[in-house]
């Protein structure tokens, strides 16, 4: 995360603390992509009570389209973020399940990008899972395309429309998760 990203993350934590979850964030689901983990760590600085249940979930990882969407094996993530549990992640947890070098080669050949149908299925599963959680204040630290998919719907014209999020922006997705 850049200096600007660190600033945006810390500001998002302050806004979250002051307006959305004045007591605490009870549960935070974080994408296992390094940039989301870094963002979450800066957001959590606003919640020093450390009462937040953390779940690292590949289900909210960015849509696999670019090299920056290739993940990092959990062993390396555990060294960088020792307070969080990555043991449930497969070694190559991102779509395709290949090592980063091979994944990059496949992406250059356009053989590894996630298809819309696969993303839709993944996001539907994520929505279902979030509905089962029994926490009052839930935060999801994920990525722009994931927010777009979580908030999107197909309109009468047959086109899918969703919310585009900026870096560090807090988007309330409650209505999109709990509307069936």
N, C-alpha and C. Protein backbone atom coordinates (compact mmCIF):
# COMPACT_ATOMS: atom_id res chain seq x y z
N UNK A 1 0.85 -1.17 0.00
CA UNK A 1 0.00 0.00 0.00
C UNK A 1 0.90 1.24 0.00
N UNK A 2 0.55 2.21 -0.80
CA UNK A 2 1.31 3.45 -0.89
C UNK A 2 1.05 4.34 0.33
N UNK A 3 1.80 5.43 0.43
CA UNK A 3 1.56 6.40 1.50
C UNK A 3 0.12 6.91 1.44
N UNK A 4 -0.36 7.19 0.23
CA UNK A 4 -1.74 7.64 0.07
C UNK A 4 -2.72 6.56 0.54
N UNK A 5 -2.43 5.32 0.18
CA UNK A 5 -3.28 4.21 0.61
C UNK A 5 -3.31 4.05 2.12
N UNK A 6 -2.15 4.25 2.76
CA UNK A 6 -2.09 4.19 4.23
C UNK A 6 -2.97 5.29 4.82
N UNK A 7 -2.86 6.49 4.28
CA UNK A 7 -3.67 7.61 4.75
C UNK A 7 -5.16 7.32 4.57
N UNK A 8 -5.54 6.86 3.36
CA UNK A 8 -6.95 6.56 3.07
C UNK A 8 -7.48 5.48 4.01
N UNK A 9 -6.67 4.47 4.28
CA UNK A 9 -7.08 3.37 5.16
C UNK A 9 -7.29 3.86 6.59
N UNK A 10 -6.37 4.66 7.07
CA UNK A 10 -6.50 5.20 8.43
C UNK A 10 -7.72 6.13 8.53
N UNK A 11 -7.94 6.93 7.51
CA UNK A 11 -9.11 7.81 7.50
C UNK A 11 -10.40 6.99 7.47
N UNK A 12 -10.41 5.93 6.69
CA UNK A 12 -11.59 5.05 6.64
C UNK A 12 -11.85 4.45 8.02
N UNK A 13 -10.80 4.06 8.72
CA UNK A 13 -10.95 3.53 10.07
C UNK A 13 -11.56 4.56 11.01
N UNK A 14 -11.10 5.80 10.89
CA UNK A 14 -11.65 6.87 11.74
C UNK A 14 -13.13 7.11 11.44
N UNK A 15 -13.47 7.18 10.15
CA UNK A 15 -14.87 7.39 9.76
C UNK A 15 -15.72 6.22 10.24
N UNK A 16 -15.22 5.02 10.06
CA UNK A 16 -15.95 3.84 10.51
C UNK A 16 -16.20 3.91 12.01
N UNK A 17 -15.18 4.27 12.76
CA UNK A 17 -15.29 4.36 14.21
C UNK A 17 -16.25 5.46 14.65
N UNK A 18 -16.18 6.61 14.00
CA UNK A 18 -16.97 7.76 14.42
C UNK A 18 -18.42 7.70 13.99
N UNK A 19 -18.70 7.07 12.87
CA UNK A 19 -20.06 7.15 12.33
C UNK A 19 -20.79 5.82 12.23
N UNK A 20 -20.10 4.80 11.82
CA UNK A 20 -20.78 3.54 11.54
C UNK A 20 -20.76 2.60 12.73
N UNK A 21 -19.63 2.46 13.35
CA UNK A 21 -19.48 1.48 14.44
C UNK A 21 -18.80 2.14 15.63
N UNK A 22 -19.52 3.04 16.33
CA UNK A 22 -18.86 3.79 17.40
C UNK A 22 -18.31 2.92 18.53
N UNK A 23 -18.88 1.76 18.73
CA UNK A 23 -18.35 0.89 19.78
C UNK A 23 -17.19 0.05 19.23
N UNK A 24 -17.48 -0.73 18.25
CA UNK A 24 -16.43 -1.54 17.63
C UNK A 24 -16.98 -2.20 16.37
N UNK A 25 -16.10 -2.70 15.57
CA UNK A 25 -16.48 -3.59 14.48
C UNK A 25 -16.40 -4.99 15.09
N UNK A 26 -17.53 -5.69 15.11
CA UNK A 26 -17.57 -7.01 15.73
C UNK A 26 -16.87 -8.07 14.89
N UNK A 27 -16.99 -7.93 13.58
CA UNK A 27 -16.50 -8.95 12.65
C UNK A 27 -15.96 -8.26 11.41
N UNK A 28 -14.80 -8.69 10.98
CA UNK A 28 -14.21 -8.14 9.75
C UNK A 28 -13.76 -9.29 8.87
N UNK A 29 -14.31 -9.33 7.66
CA UNK A 29 -13.86 -10.28 6.65
C UNK A 29 -12.89 -9.54 5.74
N UNK A 30 -11.74 -10.15 5.52
CA UNK A 30 -10.68 -9.50 4.76
C UNK A 30 -10.24 -10.40 3.61
N UNK A 31 -10.08 -9.81 2.46
CA UNK A 31 -9.51 -10.51 1.32
C UNK A 31 -8.06 -10.90 1.65
N UNK A 32 -7.62 -12.07 1.20
CA UNK A 32 -6.22 -12.46 1.45
C UNK A 32 -5.21 -11.81 0.51
N UNK A 33 -5.63 -10.89 -0.34
CA UNK A 33 -4.65 -10.15 -1.13
C UNK A 33 -3.94 -9.16 -0.21
N UNK A 34 -2.65 -9.08 -0.35
CA UNK A 34 -1.81 -8.29 0.56
C UNK A 34 -2.33 -6.85 0.73
N UNK A 35 -2.75 -6.21 -0.33
CA UNK A 35 -3.20 -4.82 -0.22
C UNK A 35 -4.43 -4.69 0.68
N UNK A 36 -5.31 -5.67 0.66
CA UNK A 36 -6.49 -5.64 1.55
C UNK A 36 -6.08 -5.91 2.99
N UNK A 37 -5.14 -6.81 3.19
CA UNK A 37 -4.65 -7.11 4.54
C UNK A 37 -3.98 -5.88 5.15
N UNK A 38 -3.18 -5.18 4.34
CA UNK A 38 -2.55 -3.95 4.81
C UNK A 38 -3.60 -2.89 5.14
N UNK A 39 -4.57 -2.74 4.26
CA UNK A 39 -5.66 -1.79 4.49
C UNK A 39 -6.38 -2.10 5.79
N UNK A 40 -6.72 -3.35 6.00
CA UNK A 40 -7.43 -3.76 7.23
C UNK A 40 -6.59 -3.45 8.47
N UNK A 41 -5.29 -3.68 8.39
CA UNK A 41 -4.45 -3.42 9.56
C UNK A 41 -4.46 -1.94 9.91
N UNK A 42 -4.49 -1.05 8.91
CA UNK A 42 -4.56 0.39 9.18
C UNK A 42 -5.95 0.79 9.70
N UNK A 43 -7.00 0.20 9.14
CA UNK A 43 -8.36 0.48 9.63
C UNK A 43 -8.48 0.08 11.09
N UNK A 44 -7.94 -1.08 11.43
CA UNK A 44 -8.06 -1.61 12.79
C UNK A 44 -7.31 -0.78 13.83
N UNK A 45 -6.43 0.10 13.40
CA UNK A 45 -5.77 1.02 14.35
C UNK A 45 -6.81 1.89 15.06
N UNK A 46 -7.97 2.10 14.43
CA UNK A 46 -9.05 2.89 15.05
C UNK A 46 -9.86 2.07 16.05
N UNK A 47 -9.56 0.79 16.17
CA UNK A 47 -10.27 -0.10 17.09
C UNK A 47 -9.25 -0.82 17.97
N UNK A 48 -8.59 -0.08 18.86
CA UNK A 48 -7.51 -0.67 19.66
C UNK A 48 -7.98 -1.70 20.69
N UNK A 49 -9.28 -1.81 20.88
CA UNK A 49 -9.79 -2.78 21.86
C UNK A 49 -9.53 -4.22 21.44
N UNK A 50 -9.29 -4.40 20.16
CA UNK A 50 -9.00 -5.73 19.59
C UNK A 50 -10.12 -6.73 19.90
N UNK A 51 -11.36 -6.26 19.78
CA UNK A 51 -12.51 -7.13 19.99
C UNK A 51 -13.10 -7.64 18.68
N UNK A 52 -12.46 -7.33 17.60
CA UNK A 52 -12.98 -7.69 16.28
C UNK A 52 -12.60 -9.12 15.93
N UNK A 53 -13.59 -9.91 15.55
CA UNK A 53 -13.33 -11.24 15.01
C UNK A 53 -12.89 -11.06 13.57
N UNK A 54 -11.74 -11.63 13.24
CA UNK A 54 -11.17 -11.49 11.90
C UNK A 54 -11.32 -12.80 11.14
N UNK A 55 -11.78 -12.71 9.92
CA UNK A 55 -11.81 -13.88 9.03
C UNK A 55 -11.16 -13.48 7.71
N UNK A 56 -10.17 -14.23 7.31
CA UNK A 56 -9.54 -14.03 6.01
C UNK A 56 -10.26 -14.96 5.04
N UNK A 57 -10.82 -14.40 3.97
CA UNK A 57 -11.64 -15.21 3.06
C UNK A 57 -11.32 -14.93 1.60
N UNK A 58 -11.00 -15.98 0.90
CA UNK A 58 -10.73 -15.84 -0.54
C UNK A 58 -12.00 -15.49 -1.31
N UNK A 59 -13.15 -15.67 -0.68
CA UNK A 59 -14.41 -15.36 -1.35
C UNK A 59 -14.56 -13.87 -1.62
N UNK A 60 -13.85 -13.02 -0.86
CA UNK A 60 -13.94 -11.57 -1.10
C UNK A 60 -12.66 -11.03 -1.74
N UNK A 61 -11.82 -11.92 -2.28
CA UNK A 61 -10.64 -11.48 -3.03
C UNK A 61 -11.09 -10.83 -4.33
N UNK A 62 -10.24 -9.99 -4.88
CA UNK A 62 -10.57 -9.29 -6.11
C UNK A 62 -10.85 -10.27 -7.24
N UNK A 63 -11.67 -9.83 -8.17
CA UNK A 63 -11.94 -10.62 -9.37
C UNK A 63 -10.60 -10.79 -10.09
N UNK A 64 -10.28 -12.00 -10.46
CA UNK A 64 -8.98 -12.32 -11.06
C UNK A 64 -8.94 -11.85 -12.51
N UNK A 65 -8.36 -10.65 -12.70
CA UNK A 65 -8.25 -10.08 -14.05
C UNK A 65 -6.84 -9.65 -14.41
N UNK A 66 -6.05 -9.24 -13.40
CA UNK A 66 -4.74 -8.64 -13.64
C UNK A 66 -3.68 -9.29 -12.76
N UNK A 67 -2.43 -8.99 -13.05
CA UNK A 67 -1.31 -9.56 -12.29
C UNK A 67 -1.42 -9.22 -10.80
N UNK A 68 -1.92 -8.03 -10.48
CA UNK A 68 -2.03 -7.63 -9.06
C UNK A 68 -3.08 -8.44 -8.32
N UNK A 69 -3.86 -9.24 -9.03
CA UNK A 69 -4.88 -10.07 -8.40
C UNK A 69 -4.39 -11.48 -8.09
N UNK A 70 -3.13 -11.76 -8.42
CA UNK A 70 -2.51 -13.04 -8.06
C UNK A 70 -2.15 -12.97 -6.59
N UNK A 71 -2.51 -13.97 -5.85
CA UNK A 71 -2.30 -13.95 -4.41
C UNK A 71 -0.90 -14.31 -3.96
N UNK A 72 -0.76 -14.40 -2.65
CA UNK A 72 0.47 -14.78 -1.98
C UNK A 72 0.18 -16.03 -1.16
N UNK A 73 1.05 -17.02 -1.19
CA UNK A 73 0.80 -18.23 -0.40
C UNK A 73 0.64 -17.90 1.10
N UNK A 74 -0.21 -18.67 1.79
CA UNK A 74 -0.50 -18.38 3.19
C UNK A 74 0.71 -18.40 4.11
N UNK A 75 1.70 -19.21 3.82
CA UNK A 75 2.90 -19.25 4.68
C UNK A 75 3.58 -17.88 4.70
N UNK A 76 3.67 -17.24 3.55
CA UNK A 76 4.28 -15.91 3.48
C UNK A 76 3.39 -14.87 4.15
N UNK A 77 2.07 -14.99 3.97
CA UNK A 77 1.15 -14.05 4.61
C UNK A 77 1.21 -14.17 6.13
N UNK A 78 1.36 -15.39 6.62
CA UNK A 78 1.45 -15.62 8.08
C UNK A 78 2.67 -14.93 8.68
N UNK A 79 3.75 -14.88 7.93
CA UNK A 79 4.95 -14.20 8.42
C UNK A 79 4.75 -12.69 8.47
N UNK A 80 4.04 -12.17 7.47
CA UNK A 80 3.84 -10.72 7.40
C UNK A 80 2.73 -10.24 8.34
N UNK A 81 1.73 -11.10 8.56
CA UNK A 81 0.58 -10.76 9.40
C UNK A 81 0.40 -11.87 10.45
N UNK A 82 1.30 -11.94 11.43
CA UNK A 82 1.31 -13.09 12.35
C UNK A 82 0.10 -13.18 13.28
N UNK A 83 -0.66 -12.12 13.43
CA UNK A 83 -1.82 -12.16 14.32
C UNK A 83 -3.07 -12.77 13.67
N UNK A 84 -3.01 -13.04 12.39
CA UNK A 84 -4.18 -13.53 11.67
C UNK A 84 -3.96 -14.96 11.19
N UNK A 85 -5.05 -15.69 11.07
CA UNK A 85 -5.00 -17.11 10.72
C UNK A 85 -5.20 -17.31 9.22
N UNK A 86 -4.23 -17.90 8.58
CA UNK A 86 -4.29 -18.20 7.15
C UNK A 86 -4.28 -19.72 6.90
N UNK A 87 -4.33 -20.50 7.96
CA UNK A 87 -4.15 -21.95 7.85
C UNK A 87 -5.22 -22.64 7.00
N UNK A 88 -6.38 -22.03 6.84
CA UNK A 88 -7.48 -22.63 6.07
C UNK A 88 -7.32 -22.41 4.56
N UNK A 89 -6.41 -21.54 4.17
CA UNK A 89 -6.21 -21.27 2.74
C UNK A 89 -5.30 -22.32 2.11
N UNK A 90 -5.65 -22.71 0.88
CA UNK A 90 -4.77 -23.59 0.13
C UNK A 90 -3.50 -22.82 -0.23
N UNK A 91 -2.43 -23.55 -0.54
CA UNK A 91 -1.15 -22.90 -0.87
C UNK A 91 -1.33 -21.89 -2.00
N UNK A 92 -2.03 -22.29 -3.05
CA UNK A 92 -2.32 -21.40 -4.17
C UNK A 92 -3.84 -21.19 -4.21
N UNK A 93 -4.35 -20.34 -3.35
CA UNK A 93 -5.78 -20.18 -3.08
C UNK A 93 -6.53 -19.39 -4.16
N UNK A 94 -5.86 -18.70 -5.04
CA UNK A 94 -6.50 -17.87 -6.04
C UNK A 94 -7.01 -18.71 -7.20
N UNK A 95 -7.90 -18.16 -8.04
CA UNK A 95 -8.44 -18.94 -9.16
C UNK A 95 -7.35 -19.56 -10.02
N UNK A 96 -7.55 -20.78 -10.41
CA UNK A 96 -6.57 -21.52 -11.20
C UNK A 96 -5.71 -22.42 -10.35
N UNK A 97 -5.45 -22.02 -9.10
CA UNK A 97 -4.70 -22.86 -8.17
C UNK A 97 -3.27 -23.20 -8.58
N UNK A 98 -2.64 -22.33 -9.35
CA UNK A 98 -1.26 -22.56 -9.81
C UNK A 98 -0.32 -21.60 -9.08
N UNK A 99 0.98 -21.89 -9.11
CA UNK A 99 1.94 -20.99 -8.47
C UNK A 99 1.89 -19.64 -9.18
N UNK A 100 2.37 -18.57 -8.51
CA UNK A 100 2.25 -17.22 -9.09
C UNK A 100 2.87 -17.08 -10.48
N UNK A 101 4.03 -17.67 -10.71
CA UNK A 101 4.66 -17.56 -12.02
C UNK A 101 3.83 -18.21 -13.11
N UNK A 102 3.35 -19.40 -12.85
CA UNK A 102 2.52 -20.09 -13.84
C UNK A 102 1.19 -19.35 -14.04
N UNK A 103 0.63 -18.82 -12.96
CA UNK A 103 -0.61 -18.05 -13.06
C UNK A 103 -0.39 -16.84 -13.95
N UNK A 104 0.73 -16.15 -13.76
CA UNK A 104 1.03 -14.97 -14.59
C UNK A 104 1.14 -15.36 -16.06
N UNK A 105 1.82 -16.45 -16.34
CA UNK A 105 1.94 -16.92 -17.72
C UNK A 105 0.57 -17.20 -18.32
N UNK A 106 -0.28 -17.89 -17.55
CA UNK A 106 -1.64 -18.18 -18.02
C UNK A 106 -2.45 -16.90 -18.22
N UNK A 107 -2.26 -15.91 -17.35
CA UNK A 107 -2.99 -14.65 -17.50
C UNK A 107 -2.56 -13.93 -18.78
N UNK A 108 -1.27 -13.97 -19.10
CA UNK A 108 -0.79 -13.34 -20.33
C UNK A 108 -1.41 -14.00 -21.56
N UNK A 109 -1.74 -15.28 -21.44
CA UNK A 109 -2.37 -16.02 -22.53
C UNK A 109 -3.90 -15.94 -22.44
N UNK A 110 -4.40 -15.15 -21.48
CA UNK A 110 -5.84 -14.99 -21.24
C UNK A 110 -6.51 -16.32 -20.90
N UNK A 111 -5.82 -17.15 -20.13
CA UNK A 111 -6.35 -18.47 -19.76
C UNK A 111 -6.64 -18.60 -18.28
N UNK A 112 -6.56 -17.50 -17.52
CA UNK A 112 -6.71 -17.63 -16.08
C UNK A 112 -7.67 -16.60 -15.48
N UNK A 113 -8.16 -15.65 -16.27
CA UNK A 113 -9.07 -14.65 -15.75
C UNK A 113 -10.39 -15.30 -15.35
N UNK A 114 -10.99 -14.78 -14.29
CA UNK A 114 -12.28 -15.31 -13.84
C UNK A 114 -13.38 -14.92 -14.83
N UNK A 115 -14.25 -15.84 -15.10
CA UNK A 115 -15.40 -15.60 -15.97
C UNK A 115 -16.53 -15.01 -15.13
N UNK A 116 -17.39 -14.21 -15.76
CA UNK A 116 -18.50 -13.58 -15.05
C UNK A 116 -19.36 -14.60 -14.32
N UNK A 117 -19.63 -15.74 -14.95
CA UNK A 117 -20.47 -16.75 -14.30
C UNK A 117 -19.83 -17.27 -13.02
N UNK A 118 -18.50 -17.43 -13.03
CA UNK A 118 -17.79 -17.90 -11.83
C UNK A 118 -17.80 -16.83 -10.74
N UNK A 119 -17.61 -15.58 -11.14
CA UNK A 119 -17.63 -14.48 -10.16
C UNK A 119 -19.02 -14.37 -9.56
N UNK A 120 -20.04 -14.44 -10.39
CA UNK A 120 -21.42 -14.33 -9.90
C UNK A 120 -21.72 -15.43 -8.88
N UNK A 121 -21.29 -16.64 -9.18
CA UNK A 121 -21.50 -17.75 -8.25
C UNK A 121 -20.75 -17.52 -6.93
N UNK A 122 -19.54 -17.06 -7.02
CA UNK A 122 -18.73 -16.78 -5.82
C UNK A 122 -19.38 -15.69 -4.97
N UNK A 123 -19.82 -14.62 -5.62
CA UNK A 123 -20.43 -13.50 -4.90
C UNK A 123 -21.77 -13.91 -4.30
N UNK A 124 -22.54 -14.71 -5.00
CA UNK A 124 -23.80 -15.21 -4.43
C UNK A 124 -23.52 -16.03 -3.17
N UNK A 125 -22.47 -16.86 -3.19
CA UNK A 125 -22.09 -17.63 -2.01
C UNK A 125 -21.64 -16.73 -0.88
N UNK A 126 -20.90 -15.67 -1.21
CA UNK A 126 -20.45 -14.71 -0.20
C UNK A 126 -21.65 -14.02 0.44
N UNK A 127 -22.62 -13.58 -0.37
CA UNK A 127 -23.82 -12.94 0.16
C UNK A 127 -24.56 -13.89 1.11
N UNK A 128 -24.71 -15.12 0.68
CA UNK A 128 -25.40 -16.11 1.52
C UNK A 128 -24.67 -16.28 2.85
N UNK A 129 -23.35 -16.39 2.81
CA UNK A 129 -22.57 -16.56 4.03
C UNK A 129 -22.72 -15.35 4.95
N UNK A 130 -22.64 -14.14 4.39
CA UNK A 130 -22.76 -12.93 5.20
C UNK A 130 -24.13 -12.86 5.88
N UNK A 131 -25.16 -13.37 5.22
CA UNK A 131 -26.50 -13.39 5.83
C UNK A 131 -26.57 -14.28 7.06
N UNK A 132 -25.69 -15.26 7.15
CA UNK A 132 -25.73 -16.20 8.28
C UNK A 132 -25.00 -15.68 9.51
N UNK A 133 -24.23 -14.62 9.36
CA UNK A 133 -23.43 -14.12 10.48
C UNK A 133 -24.32 -13.41 11.51
N UNK A 134 -24.00 -13.60 12.76
CA UNK A 134 -24.79 -13.02 13.84
C UNK A 134 -24.00 -11.95 14.59
N UNK A 135 -23.50 -10.99 13.84
CA UNK A 135 -22.75 -9.87 14.40
C UNK A 135 -23.52 -8.59 14.12
N UNK A 136 -23.36 -7.60 14.98
CA UNK A 136 -24.05 -6.33 14.78
C UNK A 136 -23.34 -5.44 13.77
N UNK A 137 -22.03 -5.32 13.89
CA UNK A 137 -21.25 -4.44 13.02
C UNK A 137 -20.23 -5.26 12.24
N UNK A 138 -20.51 -5.43 10.96
CA UNK A 138 -19.67 -6.24 10.08
C UNK A 138 -18.98 -5.33 9.08
N UNK A 139 -17.69 -5.53 8.91
CA UNK A 139 -16.93 -4.80 7.89
C UNK A 139 -16.32 -5.80 6.92
N UNK A 140 -16.35 -5.45 5.67
CA UNK A 140 -15.77 -6.27 4.61
C UNK A 140 -14.66 -5.44 3.97
N UNK A 141 -13.42 -5.92 4.08
CA UNK A 141 -12.29 -5.22 3.46
C UNK A 141 -11.93 -6.02 2.22
N UNK A 142 -12.36 -5.46 1.08
CA UNK A 142 -12.19 -6.22 -0.16
C UNK A 142 -11.74 -5.28 -1.27
N UNK A 143 -12.33 -5.38 -2.43
CA UNK A 143 -11.82 -4.71 -3.61
C UNK A 143 -12.96 -4.13 -4.44
N UNK A 144 -12.61 -3.21 -5.32
CA UNK A 144 -13.59 -2.50 -6.13
C UNK A 144 -14.52 -3.38 -6.93
N UNK A 145 -13.98 -4.37 -7.62
CA UNK A 145 -14.84 -5.23 -8.43
C UNK A 145 -15.75 -6.10 -7.55
N UNK A 146 -15.28 -6.47 -6.38
CA UNK A 146 -16.11 -7.25 -5.47
C UNK A 146 -17.29 -6.40 -4.99
N UNK A 147 -17.02 -5.13 -4.64
CA UNK A 147 -18.10 -4.22 -4.25
C UNK A 147 -19.09 -4.06 -5.40
N UNK A 148 -18.56 -3.89 -6.59
CA UNK A 148 -19.43 -3.74 -7.75
C UNK A 148 -20.35 -4.96 -7.89
N UNK A 149 -19.77 -6.15 -7.80
CA UNK A 149 -20.57 -7.37 -7.93
C UNK A 149 -21.56 -7.52 -6.76
N UNK A 150 -21.12 -7.18 -5.54
CA UNK A 150 -22.02 -7.29 -4.38
C UNK A 150 -23.21 -6.35 -4.50
N UNK A 151 -23.03 -5.21 -5.13
CA UNK A 151 -24.10 -4.21 -5.22
C UNK A 151 -24.83 -4.24 -6.55
N UNK A 152 -24.41 -5.07 -7.46
CA UNK A 152 -24.98 -5.02 -8.81
C UNK A 152 -26.26 -5.83 -8.94
N UNK A 153 -27.02 -5.41 -9.91
CA UNK A 153 -28.22 -6.15 -10.29
C UNK A 153 -28.46 -5.89 -11.77
N UNK A 154 -29.13 -6.83 -12.39
CA UNK A 154 -29.47 -6.70 -13.80
C UNK A 154 -30.77 -5.92 -13.89
N UNK A 155 -30.74 -4.83 -14.64
CA UNK A 155 -31.92 -3.97 -14.81
C UNK A 155 -32.77 -4.45 -15.98
N UNK A 156 -33.88 -3.77 -16.19
CA UNK A 156 -34.83 -4.15 -17.24
C UNK A 156 -34.19 -4.17 -18.63
N UNK A 157 -33.16 -3.35 -18.82
CA UNK A 157 -32.50 -3.32 -20.13
C UNK A 157 -31.53 -4.48 -20.34
N UNK A 158 -31.42 -5.37 -19.32
CA UNK A 158 -30.57 -6.54 -19.42
C UNK A 158 -29.12 -6.29 -19.06
N UNK A 159 -28.80 -5.07 -18.65
CA UNK A 159 -27.43 -4.71 -18.29
C UNK A 159 -27.29 -4.75 -16.77
N UNK A 160 -26.14 -5.22 -16.30
CA UNK A 160 -25.85 -5.28 -14.86
C UNK A 160 -25.21 -3.96 -14.44
N UNK A 161 -25.78 -3.36 -13.38
CA UNK A 161 -25.28 -2.10 -12.83
C UNK A 161 -24.91 -2.31 -11.38
N UNK A 162 -23.79 -1.72 -10.96
CA UNK A 162 -23.36 -1.81 -9.58
C UNK A 162 -22.70 -0.52 -9.13
N UNK A 163 -22.30 -0.49 -7.87
CA UNK A 163 -21.65 0.67 -7.27
C UNK A 163 -20.15 0.57 -7.46
N UNK A 164 -19.56 1.64 -7.96
CA UNK A 164 -18.11 1.70 -8.11
C UNK A 164 -17.54 2.38 -6.87
N UNK A 165 -16.61 1.71 -6.19
CA UNK A 165 -16.01 2.23 -4.96
C UNK A 165 -14.64 2.83 -5.26
N UNK A 166 -14.32 3.89 -4.54
CA UNK A 166 -12.99 4.48 -4.61
C UNK A 166 -12.13 3.86 -3.51
N UNK A 167 -10.82 3.97 -3.64
CA UNK A 167 -9.92 3.46 -2.60
C UNK A 167 -10.26 4.09 -1.26
N UNK A 168 -10.40 3.25 -0.23
CA UNK A 168 -10.63 3.74 1.12
C UNK A 168 -12.05 4.18 1.38
N UNK A 169 -12.93 4.05 0.40
CA UNK A 169 -14.32 4.49 0.58
C UNK A 169 -15.12 3.43 1.34
N UNK A 170 -16.00 3.92 2.21
CA UNK A 170 -16.89 3.02 2.94
C UNK A 170 -18.22 2.99 2.20
N UNK A 171 -18.63 1.82 1.80
CA UNK A 171 -19.88 1.61 1.07
C UNK A 171 -20.78 0.73 1.94
N UNK A 172 -21.98 1.19 2.21
CA UNK A 172 -22.94 0.37 2.96
C UNK A 172 -23.61 -0.58 1.97
N UNK A 173 -23.35 -1.87 2.12
CA UNK A 173 -23.90 -2.86 1.20
C UNK A 173 -25.03 -3.65 1.84
N UNK A 174 -25.49 -3.21 3.00
CA UNK A 174 -26.51 -3.94 3.75
C UNK A 174 -27.72 -4.30 2.90
N UNK A 175 -28.28 -3.31 2.21
CA UNK A 175 -29.48 -3.58 1.41
C UNK A 175 -29.23 -4.59 0.30
N UNK A 176 -28.01 -4.63 -0.20
CA UNK A 176 -27.68 -5.56 -1.29
C UNK A 176 -27.47 -6.98 -0.78
N UNK A 177 -27.07 -7.11 0.49
CA UNK A 177 -26.83 -8.42 1.06
C UNK A 177 -28.11 -9.04 1.59
N UNK A 178 -28.93 -8.23 2.23
CA UNK A 178 -30.09 -8.76 2.93
C UNK A 178 -31.39 -8.66 2.14
N UNK A 179 -31.32 -8.18 0.90
CA UNK A 179 -32.48 -8.20 0.01
C UNK A 179 -32.35 -9.43 -0.86
N UNK A 180 -33.33 -10.28 -0.78
CA UNK A 180 -33.26 -11.55 -1.53
C UNK A 180 -33.88 -11.40 -2.89
